[in-house]
Amino acid sequence: MQLNHKTFGQGPPLIILHGLFGTLDNWQTLAKRWAEHYTVVIIDQRNHGRSPHLDAHSYPLMAEDLKAFMEANWMYEAHLMGHSMGGKTVMQFATHFPDMVNKLIVVDIAPKTYPGGHEIIVEALNELDIDTLDDRKEADELLAKRIADFGVRQFLLKNLTRNKEGGYRWKMNLPVLTRDYEAILENISATETFDGPTLFVRGADSNYIDDGDLPLLKKHFPAAELETVADAGHWVHAQKPEELFQLVNTFLEKA
């Protein structure tokens, strides 16, 4: 299986993984900036974007996907960064294949099980009859009945693409992501620690990483640092890209 990806720049490899319902395009603007000093690879994870749709979705599987991708592309060590679901994937990977990770960056997610929060979004997406849509505007109007936030709707609708023969389809594997949603909420299965340099970045307005989670971060990642970005929620890279860019630069440049 070959994961869909884009590569920019040259230098030490930096691999970036998106979150649930995201695609590699969410990170393209920042990737091009980091590409001045790194070979930046942005990847569609399984069941997202243009990567294969498979009948299973879990962090051990996504970590194995990443390992196979790196080996197939002759990358045996890299900096890894992931947001939300992608953050759990890189944490799973780092604790299982630590020799393949140089530095680790996790954006707004902790190594713990979450209670949920996307149920309304999942229901709204499944209620959308994409076979009868006339255009994206109609899709937005239908989603607006359940999802008030315009930015969230636009993010979700990036997954909608036209068929050549007419009509629309989802880029993501919505049936499997719906069925395996509980697995996406689950904690990583870490039996070892990753002792290398690790940066956790959280949005000040997000509740994904609490102050009380710091001992948990240190338990799995003893060298972990935690930085908070003011006026940012869960989508730090979209809301405060400059602040995230600078934090990551500083962390990667440190000896």
C-alpha atoms as a PDB file:
ATOM      1  CA  MET A   1       0.000   0.000   0.000  1.00  0.00           C
ATOM      2  CA  GLN A   2       1.372   3.403  -0.989  1.00  0.00           C
ATOM      3  CA  LEU A   3       0.106   6.397   0.955  1.00  0.00           C
ATOM      4  CA  ASN A   4      -0.644   9.517  -1.079  1.00  0.00           C
ATOM      5  CA  HIS A   5       1.892  12.229  -0.306  1.00  0.00           C
ATOM      6  CA  LYS A   6       3.611  15.402  -1.465  1.00  0.00           C
ATOM      7  CA  THR A   7       7.251  16.299  -0.921  1.00  0.00           C
ATOM      8  CA  PHE A   8       8.858  19.745  -0.749  1.00  0.00           C
ATOM      9  CA  GLY A   9      12.405  21.013  -0.264  1.00  0.00           C
ATOM     10  CA  GLN A  10      15.591  19.275   0.742  1.00  0.00           C
ATOM     11  CA  GLY A  11      17.453  18.554   3.941  1.00  0.00           C
ATOM     12  CA  PRO A  12      16.631  16.357   6.954  1.00  0.00           C
ATOM     13  CA  PRO A  13      13.192  14.741   6.533  1.00  0.00           C
ATOM     14  CA  LEU A  14      10.157  16.148   8.361  1.00  0.00           C
ATOM     15  CA  ILE A  15       6.949  14.085   7.986  1.00  0.00           C
ATOM     16  CA  ILE A  16       3.576  15.670   8.832  1.00  0.00           C
ATOM     17  CA  LEU A  17       0.296  13.824   9.486  1.00  0.00           C
ATOM     18  CA  HIS A  18      -3.162  15.478   9.491  1.00  0.00           C
ATOM     19  CA  GLY A  19      -6.090  14.883  11.838  1.00  0.00           C
ATOM     20  CA  LEU A  20      -9.505  13.232  11.512  1.00  0.00           C
ATOM     21  CA  PHE A  21     -11.419  14.260   8.348  1.00  0.00           C
ATOM     22  CA  GLY A  22      -8.318  16.170   7.204  1.00  0.00           C
ATOM     23  CA  THR A  23      -5.974  15.756   4.240  1.00  0.00           C
ATOM     24  CA  LEU A  24      -2.369  16.602   3.467  1.00  0.00           C
ATOM     25  CA  ASP A  25      -3.583  19.860   1.909  1.00  0.00           C
ATOM     26  CA  ASN A  26      -4.331  21.198   5.405  1.00  0.00           C
ATOM     27  CA  TRP A  27      -0.562  21.435   5.944  1.00  0.00           C
ATOM     28  CA  GLN A  28       0.682  22.441   2.488  1.00  0.00           C
ATOM     29  CA  THR A  29       1.239  26.161   3.173  1.00  0.00           C
ATOM     30  CA  LEU A  30       3.321  25.530   6.304  1.00  0.00           C
ATOM     31  CA  ALA A  31       5.103  22.588   4.657  1.00  0.00           C
ATOM     32  CA  LYS A  32       6.395  24.855   1.888  1.00  0.00           C
ATOM     33  CA  ARG A  33       7.817  27.240   4.491  1.00  0.00           C
ATOM     34  CA  TRP A  34       9.615  24.508   6.443  1.00  0.00           C
ATOM     35  CA  ALA A  35      10.891  23.182   3.095  1.00  0.00           C
ATOM     36  CA  GLU A  36      13.510  25.939   3.061  1.00  0.00           C
ATOM     37  CA  HIS A  37      15.517  23.811   5.508  1.00  0.00           C
ATOM     38  CA  TYR A  38      13.936  20.336   5.454  1.00  0.00           C
ATOM     39  CA  THR A  39      12.610  17.685   3.103  1.00  0.00           C
ATOM     40  CA  VAL A  40       8.980  18.023   4.149  1.00  0.00           C
ATOM     41  CA  VAL A  41       6.608  15.160   3.402  1.00  0.00           C
ATOM     42  CA  ILE A  42       2.869  15.626   3.964  1.00  0.00           C
ATOM     43  CA  ILE A  43       0.814  12.438   3.881  1.00  0.00           C
ATOM     44  CA  ASP A  44      -2.822  11.422   3.528  1.00  0.00           C
ATOM     45  CA  GLN A  45      -3.393   8.788   6.203  1.00  0.00           C
ATOM     46  CA  ARG A  46      -5.395   5.653   5.352  1.00  0.00           C
ATOM     47  CA  ASN A  47      -9.091   6.268   4.691  1.00  0.00           C
ATOM     48  CA  HIS A  48      -8.417   9.971   4.040  1.00  0.00           C
ATOM     49  CA  GLY A  49      -7.721  12.037   0.941  1.00  0.00           C
ATOM     50  CA  ARG A  50      -6.218  10.090  -1.954  1.00  0.00           C
ATOM     51  CA  SER A  51      -4.742   7.287   0.163  1.00  0.00           C
ATOM     52  CA  PRO A  52      -6.243   3.792   0.020  1.00  0.00           C
ATOM     53  CA  HIS A  53      -9.620   3.141   1.631  1.00  0.00           C
ATOM     54  CA  LEU A  54      -9.250   0.081   3.852  1.00  0.00           C
ATOM     55  CA  ASP A  55     -11.638  -1.826   6.088  1.00  0.00           C
ATOM     56  CA  ALA A  56      -9.867  -1.025   9.364  1.00  0.00           C
ATOM     57  CA  HIS A  57      -8.712   2.102  11.162  1.00  0.00           C
ATOM     58  CA  SER A  58      -6.530   2.114  14.282  1.00  0.00           C
ATOM     59  CA  TYR A  59      -3.338   3.678  15.594  1.00  0.00           C
ATOM     60  CA  PRO A  60      -1.256   0.473  15.403  1.00  0.00           C
ATOM     61  CA  LEU A  61      -2.298   0.120  11.746  1.00  0.00           C
ATOM     62  CA  MET A  62      -1.548   3.777  10.932  1.00  0.00           C
ATOM     63  CA  ALA A  63       1.848   3.486  12.627  1.00  0.00           C
ATOM     64  CA  GLU A  64       2.608   0.409  10.499  1.00  0.00           C
ATOM     65  CA  ASP A  65       1.481   2.368   7.422  1.00  0.00           C
ATOM     66  CA  LEU A  66       3.983   5.093   8.288  1.00  0.00           C
ATOM     67  CA  LYS A  67       6.793   2.588   8.886  1.00  0.00           C
ATOM     68  CA  ALA A  68       6.142   0.943   5.506  1.00  0.00           C
ATOM     69  CA  PHE A  69       6.017   4.357   3.824  1.00  0.00           C
ATOM     70  CA  MET A  70       9.344   5.451   5.332  1.00  0.00           C
ATOM     71  CA  GLU A  71      11.083   2.217   4.429  1.00  0.00           C
ATOM     72  CA  ALA A  72       9.709   2.278   0.881  1.00  0.00           C
ATOM     73  CA  ASN A  73      11.080   5.813   0.489  1.00  0.00           C
ATOM     74  CA  TRP A  74      14.488   5.053   2.026  1.00  0.00           C
ATOM     75  CA  MET A  75      13.836   7.149   5.121  1.00  0.00           C
ATOM     76  CA  TYR A  76      15.085   5.339   8.187  1.00  0.00           C
ATOM     77  CA  GLU A  77      14.993   8.333  10.529  1.00  0.00           C
ATOM     78  CA  ALA A  78      12.894  11.507  10.406  1.00  0.00           C
ATOM     79  CA  HIS A  79      11.368  14.302  12.430  1.00  0.00           C
ATOM     80  CA  LEU A  80       7.672  13.486  12.877  1.00  0.00           C
ATOM     81  CA  MET A  81       4.780  15.875  13.437  1.00  0.00           C
ATOM     82  CA  GLY A  82       1.082  15.121  13.755  1.00  0.00           C
ATOM     83  CA  HIS A  83      -2.094  16.991  14.613  1.00  0.00           C
ATOM     84  CA  SER A  84      -4.923  15.392  16.611  1.00  0.00           C
ATOM     85  CA  MET A  85      -5.435  11.894  15.129  1.00  0.00           C
ATOM     86  CA  GLY A  86      -2.121  12.351  13.324  1.00  0.00           C
ATOM     87  CA  GLY A  87      -0.540  13.276  16.651  1.00  0.00           C
ATOM     88  CA  LYS A  88      -1.646   9.977  18.134  1.00  0.00           C
ATOM     89  CA  THR A  89      -0.277   8.163  15.085  1.00  0.00           C
ATOM     90  CA  VAL A  90       3.181   9.693  15.503  1.00  0.00           C
ATOM     91  CA  MET A  91       3.109   9.012  19.272  1.00  0.00           C
ATOM     92  CA  GLN A  92       2.203   5.381  18.586  1.00  0.00           C
ATOM     93  CA  PHE A  93       5.005   5.207  16.010  1.00  0.00           C
ATOM     94  CA  ALA A  94       7.619   6.836  18.259  1.00  0.00           C
ATOM     95  CA  THR A  95       6.958   4.500  21.181  1.00  0.00           C
ATOM     96  CA  HIS A  96       7.138   1.424  18.941  1.00  0.00           C
ATOM     97  CA  PHE A  97       9.887   2.430  16.488  1.00  0.00           C
ATOM     98  CA  PRO A  98      11.967   4.967  18.463  1.00  0.00           C
ATOM     99  CA  ASP A  99      15.117   4.428  16.388  1.00  0.00           C
ATOM    100  CA  MET A 100      13.272   5.820  13.335  1.00  0.00           C
ATOM    101  CA  VAL A 101      12.367   9.121  15.038  1.00  0.00           C
ATOM    102  CA  ASN A 102      14.703  12.052  15.455  1.00  0.00           C
ATOM    103  CA  LYS A 103      12.433  14.696  17.028  1.00  0.00           C
ATOM    104  CA  LEU A 104       8.697  14.399  17.730  1.00  0.00           C
ATOM    105  CA  ILE A 105       6.091  17.193  17.538  1.00  0.00           C
ATOM    106  CA  VAL A 106       2.495  16.604  18.671  1.00  0.00           C
ATOM    107  CA  VAL A 107      -0.130  19.285  18.031  1.00  0.00           C
ATOM    108  CA  ASP A 108      -3.083  19.526  20.438  1.00  0.00           C
ATOM    109  CA  ILE A 109      -3.589  15.921  21.488  1.00  0.00           C
ATOM    110  CA  ALA A 110      -2.476  13.859  24.493  1.00  0.00           C
ATOM    111  CA  PRO A 111      -1.785  10.121  24.863  1.00  0.00           C
ATOM    112  CA  LYS A 112      -5.154   9.364  26.456  1.00  0.00           C
ATOM    113  CA  THR A 113      -8.666   8.220  25.569  1.00  0.00           C
ATOM    114  CA  TYR A 114     -11.090  11.027  24.752  1.00  0.00           C
ATOM    115  CA  PRO A 115     -14.824  11.054  25.478  1.00  0.00           C
ATOM    116  CA  GLY A 116     -15.855  12.111  21.987  1.00  0.00           C
ATOM    117  CA  GLY A 117     -17.119  15.380  20.603  1.00  0.00           C
ATOM    118  CA  HIS A 118     -17.457  14.730  16.888  1.00  0.00           C
ATOM    119  CA  GLU A 119     -20.729  12.789  17.092  1.00  0.00           C
ATOM    120  CA  ILE A 120     -22.856  15.599  15.642  1.00  0.00           C
ATOM    121  CA  ILE A 121     -20.363  16.063  12.800  1.00  0.00           C
ATOM    122  CA  VAL A 122     -20.313  12.330  12.044  1.00  0.00           C
ATOM    123  CA  GLU A 123     -24.116  12.209  12.047  1.00  0.00           C
ATOM    124  CA  ALA A 124     -24.400  15.296   9.826  1.00  0.00           C
ATOM    125  CA  LEU A 125     -21.941  13.895   7.282  1.00  0.00           C
ATOM    126  CA  ASN A 126     -23.783  10.586   7.123  1.00  0.00           C
ATOM    127  CA  GLU A 127     -27.138  12.338   6.727  1.00  0.00           C
ATOM    128  CA  LEU A 128     -25.871  14.267   3.703  1.00  0.00           C
ATOM    129  CA  ASP A 129     -27.185  12.530   0.573  1.00  0.00           C
ATOM    130  CA  ILE A 130     -24.295  13.302  -1.754  1.00  0.00           C
ATOM    131  CA  ASP A 131     -25.927  11.430  -4.660  1.00  0.00           C
ATOM    132  CA  THR A 132     -28.614  14.104  -4.948  1.00  0.00           C
ATOM    133  CA  LEU A 133     -26.465  17.234  -4.431  1.00  0.00           C
ATOM    134  CA  ASP A 134     -26.596  19.931  -7.100  1.00  0.00           C
ATOM    135  CA  ASP A 135     -23.561  21.850  -5.860  1.00  0.00           C
ATOM    136  CA  ARG A 136     -21.304  22.533  -2.861  1.00  0.00           C
ATOM    137  CA  LYS A 137     -23.478  25.455  -1.779  1.00  0.00           C
ATOM    138  CA  GLU A 138     -26.378  23.071  -1.249  1.00  0.00           C
ATOM    139  CA  ALA A 139     -24.102  20.756   0.764  1.00  0.00           C
ATOM    140  CA  ASP A 140     -23.068  23.667   2.974  1.00  0.00           C
ATOM    141  CA  GLU A 141     -26.683  24.703   3.541  1.00  0.00           C
ATOM    142  CA  LEU A 142     -27.644  21.158   4.546  1.00  0.00           C
ATOM    143  CA  LEU A 143     -24.682  20.795   6.925  1.00  0.00           C
ATOM    144  CA  ALA A 144     -25.494  24.193   8.465  1.00  0.00           C
ATOM    145  CA  LYS A 145     -28.659  22.697   9.956  1.00  0.00           C
ATOM    146  CA  ARG A 146     -26.446  20.636  12.286  1.00  0.00           C
ATOM    147  CA  ILE A 147     -23.060  22.420  12.244  1.00  0.00           C
ATOM    148  CA  ALA A 148     -23.200  26.157  12.951  1.00  0.00           C
ATOM    149  CA  ASP A 149     -19.497  26.940  12.531  1.00  0.00           C
ATOM    150  CA  PHE A 150     -18.803  28.040   8.932  1.00  0.00           C
ATOM    151  CA  GLY A 151     -15.078  27.271   9.210  1.00  0.00           C
ATOM    152  CA  VAL A 152     -15.737  23.705  10.374  1.00  0.00           C
ATOM    153  CA  ARG A 153     -18.183  23.163   7.474  1.00  0.00           C
ATOM    154  CA  GLN A 154     -15.645  24.440   4.940  1.00  0.00           C
ATOM    155  CA  PHE A 155     -12.983  22.157   6.426  1.00  0.00           C
ATOM    156  CA  LEU A 156     -15.315  19.163   6.145  1.00  0.00           C
ATOM    157  CA  LEU A 157     -16.449  20.027   2.616  1.00  0.00           C
ATOM    158  CA  LYS A 158     -12.860  19.833   1.376  1.00  0.00           C
ATOM    159  CA  ASN A 159     -13.533  16.085   1.488  1.00  0.00           C
ATOM    160  CA  LEU A 160     -16.268  16.420  -1.133  1.00  0.00           C
ATOM    161  CA  THR A 161     -15.166  15.911  -4.731  1.00  0.00           C
ATOM    162  CA  ARG A 162     -16.983  15.646  -8.062  1.00  0.00           C
ATOM    163  CA  ASN A 163     -17.198  12.392  -9.962  1.00  0.00           C
ATOM    164  CA  LYS A 164     -16.170  12.542 -13.624  1.00  0.00           C
ATOM    165  CA  GLU A 165     -19.546  11.088 -14.555  1.00  0.00           C
ATOM    166  CA  GLY A 166     -21.348  13.697 -12.450  1.00  0.00           C
ATOM    167  CA  GLY A 167     -22.434  13.916  -8.841  1.00  0.00           C
ATOM    168  CA  TYR A 168     -20.215  13.889  -5.767  1.00  0.00           C
ATOM    169  CA  ARG A 169     -18.307  11.443  -3.599  1.00  0.00           C
ATOM    170  CA  TRP A 170     -16.321  11.614  -0.352  1.00  0.00           C
ATOM    171  CA  LYS A 171     -12.530  11.518  -0.529  1.00  0.00           C
ATOM    172  CA  MET A 172     -12.561   9.957   2.935  1.00  0.00           C
ATOM    173  CA  ASN A 173     -13.836   6.492   3.795  1.00  0.00           C
ATOM    174  CA  LEU A 174     -16.803   7.772   5.795  1.00  0.00           C
ATOM    175  CA  PRO A 175     -18.399   4.350   6.552  1.00  0.00           C
ATOM    176  CA  VAL A 176     -15.190   2.983   8.134  1.00  0.00           C
ATOM    177  CA  LEU A 177     -14.376   6.227   9.981  1.00  0.00           C
ATOM    178  CA  THR A 178     -17.923   6.209  11.361  1.00  0.00           C
ATOM    179  CA  ARG A 179     -17.732   2.563  12.422  1.00  0.00           C
ATOM    180  CA  ASP A 180     -14.230   2.903  13.941  1.00  0.00           C
ATOM    181  CA  TYR A 181     -14.792   6.308  15.547  1.00  0.00           C
ATOM    182  CA  GLU A 182     -14.378   4.787  19.029  1.00  0.00           C
ATOM    183  CA  ALA A 183     -10.951   3.443  18.016  1.00  0.00           C
ATOM    184  CA  ILE A 184      -9.928   6.968  16.961  1.00  0.00           C
ATOM    185  CA  LEU A 185     -10.851   8.253  20.427  1.00  0.00           C
ATOM    186  CA  GLU A 186      -8.796   5.553  22.148  1.00  0.00           C
ATOM    187  CA  ASN A 187      -5.362   6.000  23.678  1.00  0.00           C
ATOM    188  CA  ILE A 188      -2.241   4.820  21.891  1.00  0.00           C
ATOM    189  CA  SER A 189      -1.007   1.339  22.848  1.00  0.00           C
ATOM    190  CA  ALA A 190       2.392   2.309  24.233  1.00  0.00           C
ATOM    191  CA  THR A 191       4.390  -0.257  26.176  1.00  0.00           C
ATOM    192  CA  GLU A 192       7.703   1.603  25.795  1.00  0.00           C
ATOM    193  CA  THR A 193       8.715   5.256  26.082  1.00  0.00           C
ATOM    194  CA  PHE A 194      10.177   7.580  23.473  1.00  0.00           C
ATOM    195  CA  ASP A 195      13.108   9.298  25.157  1.00  0.00           C
ATOM    196  CA  GLY A 196      14.001  11.647  22.307  1.00  0.00           C
ATOM    197  CA  PRO A 197      13.209  15.374  22.067  1.00  0.00           C
ATOM    198  CA  THR A 198       9.433  15.860  22.080  1.00  0.00           C
ATOM    199  CA  LEU A 199       7.359  19.023  21.735  1.00  0.00           C
ATOM    200  CA  PHE A 200       3.655  19.179  22.573  1.00  0.00           C
ATOM    201  CA  VAL A 201       1.839  22.277  21.288  1.00  0.00           C
ATOM    202  CA  ARG A 202      -1.666  23.129  22.483  1.00  0.00           C
ATOM    203  CA  GLY A 203      -4.127  25.892  21.738  1.00  0.00           C
ATOM    204  CA  ALA A 204      -4.951  28.038  24.760  1.00  0.00           C
ATOM    205  CA  ASP A 205      -8.652  27.872  23.860  1.00  0.00           C
ATOM    206  CA  SER A 206      -8.607  24.097  23.350  1.00  0.00           C
ATOM    207  CA  ASN A 207      -9.377  21.509  26.031  1.00  0.00           C
ATOM    208  CA  TYR A 208      -7.487  18.627  24.414  1.00  0.00           C
ATOM    209  CA  ILE A 209      -4.404  18.970  26.653  1.00  0.00           C
ATOM    210  CA  ASP A 210      -5.004  20.035  30.263  1.00  0.00           C
ATOM    211  CA  ASP A 211      -2.383  21.177  32.754  1.00  0.00           C
ATOM    212  CA  GLY A 212      -3.062  17.942  34.623  1.00  0.00           C
ATOM    213  CA  ASP A 213      -1.926  15.920  31.583  1.00  0.00           C
ATOM    214  CA  LEU A 214       1.738  16.916  31.952  1.00  0.00           C
ATOM    215  CA  PRO A 215       2.670  13.874  34.122  1.00  0.00           C
ATOM    216  CA  LEU A 216       1.018  11.670  31.471  1.00  0.00           C
ATOM    217  CA  LEU A 217       3.051  13.317  28.703  1.00  0.00           C
ATOM    218  CA  LYS A 218       6.239  12.805  30.726  1.00  0.00           C
ATOM    219  CA  LYS A 219       5.357   9.176  31.446  1.00  0.00           C
ATOM    220  CA  HIS A 220       5.464   8.216  27.767  1.00  0.00           C
ATOM    221  CA  PHE A 221       7.803  11.005  26.574  1.00  0.00           C
ATOM    222  CA  PRO A 222      10.249  11.839  29.395  1.00  0.00           C
ATOM    223  CA  ALA A 223      11.871  14.718  27.463  1.00  0.00           C
ATOM    224  CA  ALA A 224       8.518  16.322  26.614  1.00  0.00           C
ATOM    225  CA  GLU A 225       8.099  20.097  26.507  1.00  0.00           C
ATOM    226  CA  LEU A 226       4.661  21.746  26.419  1.00  0.00           C
ATOM    227  CA  GLU A 227       4.019  25.057  24.651  1.00  0.00           C
ATOM    228  CA  THR A 228       0.712  26.946  24.564  1.00  0.00           C
ATOM    229  CA  VAL A 229      -0.379  29.150  21.646  1.00  0.00           C
ATOM    230  CA  ALA A 230      -2.577  32.080  22.711  1.00  0.00           C
ATOM    231  CA  ASP A 231      -5.915  32.697  20.966  1.00  0.00           C
ATOM    232  CA  ALA A 232      -5.842  29.286  19.273  1.00  0.00           C
ATOM    233  CA  GLY A 233      -8.248  26.380  19.547  1.00  0.00           C
ATOM    234  CA  HIS A 234      -7.749  22.807  18.387  1.00  0.00           C
ATOM    235  CA  TRP A 235      -6.727  23.745  14.819  1.00  0.00           C
ATOM    236  CA  VAL A 236      -3.562  25.598  15.847  1.00  0.00           C
ATOM    237  CA  HIS A 237      -2.003  25.350  12.373  1.00  0.00           C
ATOM    238  CA  ALA A 238      -5.009  27.021  10.752  1.00  0.00           C
ATOM    239  CA  GLN A 239      -5.680  29.641  13.429  1.00  0.00           C
ATOM    240  CA  LYS A 240      -2.121  30.641  14.372  1.00  0.00           C
ATOM    241  CA  PRO A 241       0.186  29.373  11.608  1.00  0.00           C
ATOM    242  CA  GLU A 242       2.971  31.920  12.233  1.00  0.00           C
ATOM    243  CA  GLU A 243       3.183  31.099  15.935  1.00  0.00           C
ATOM    244  CA  LEU A 244       3.279  27.364  15.216  1.00  0.00           C
ATOM    245  CA  PHE A 245       5.861  27.866  12.464  1.00  0.00           C
ATOM    246  CA  GLN A 246       8.194  29.681  14.846  1.00  0.00           C
ATOM    247  CA  LEU A 247       7.723  27.198  17.715  1.00  0.00           C
ATOM    248  CA  VAL A 248       8.510  24.247  15.463  1.00  0.00           C
ATOM    249  CA  ASN A 249      11.502  26.017  13.895  1.00  0.00           C
ATOM    250  CA  THR A 250      13.000  26.786  17.303  1.00  0.00           C
ATOM    251  CA  PHE A 251      12.471  23.220  18.489  1.00  0.00           C
ATOM    252  CA  LEU A 252      13.962  21.595  15.386  1.00  0.00           C
ATOM    253  CA  GLU A 253      16.987  23.919  15.349  1.00  0.00           C
ATOM    254  CA  LYS A 254      17.925  23.169  18.961  1.00  0.00           C
ATOM    255  CA  ALA A 255      20.986  20.966  19.314  1.00  0.00           C
END
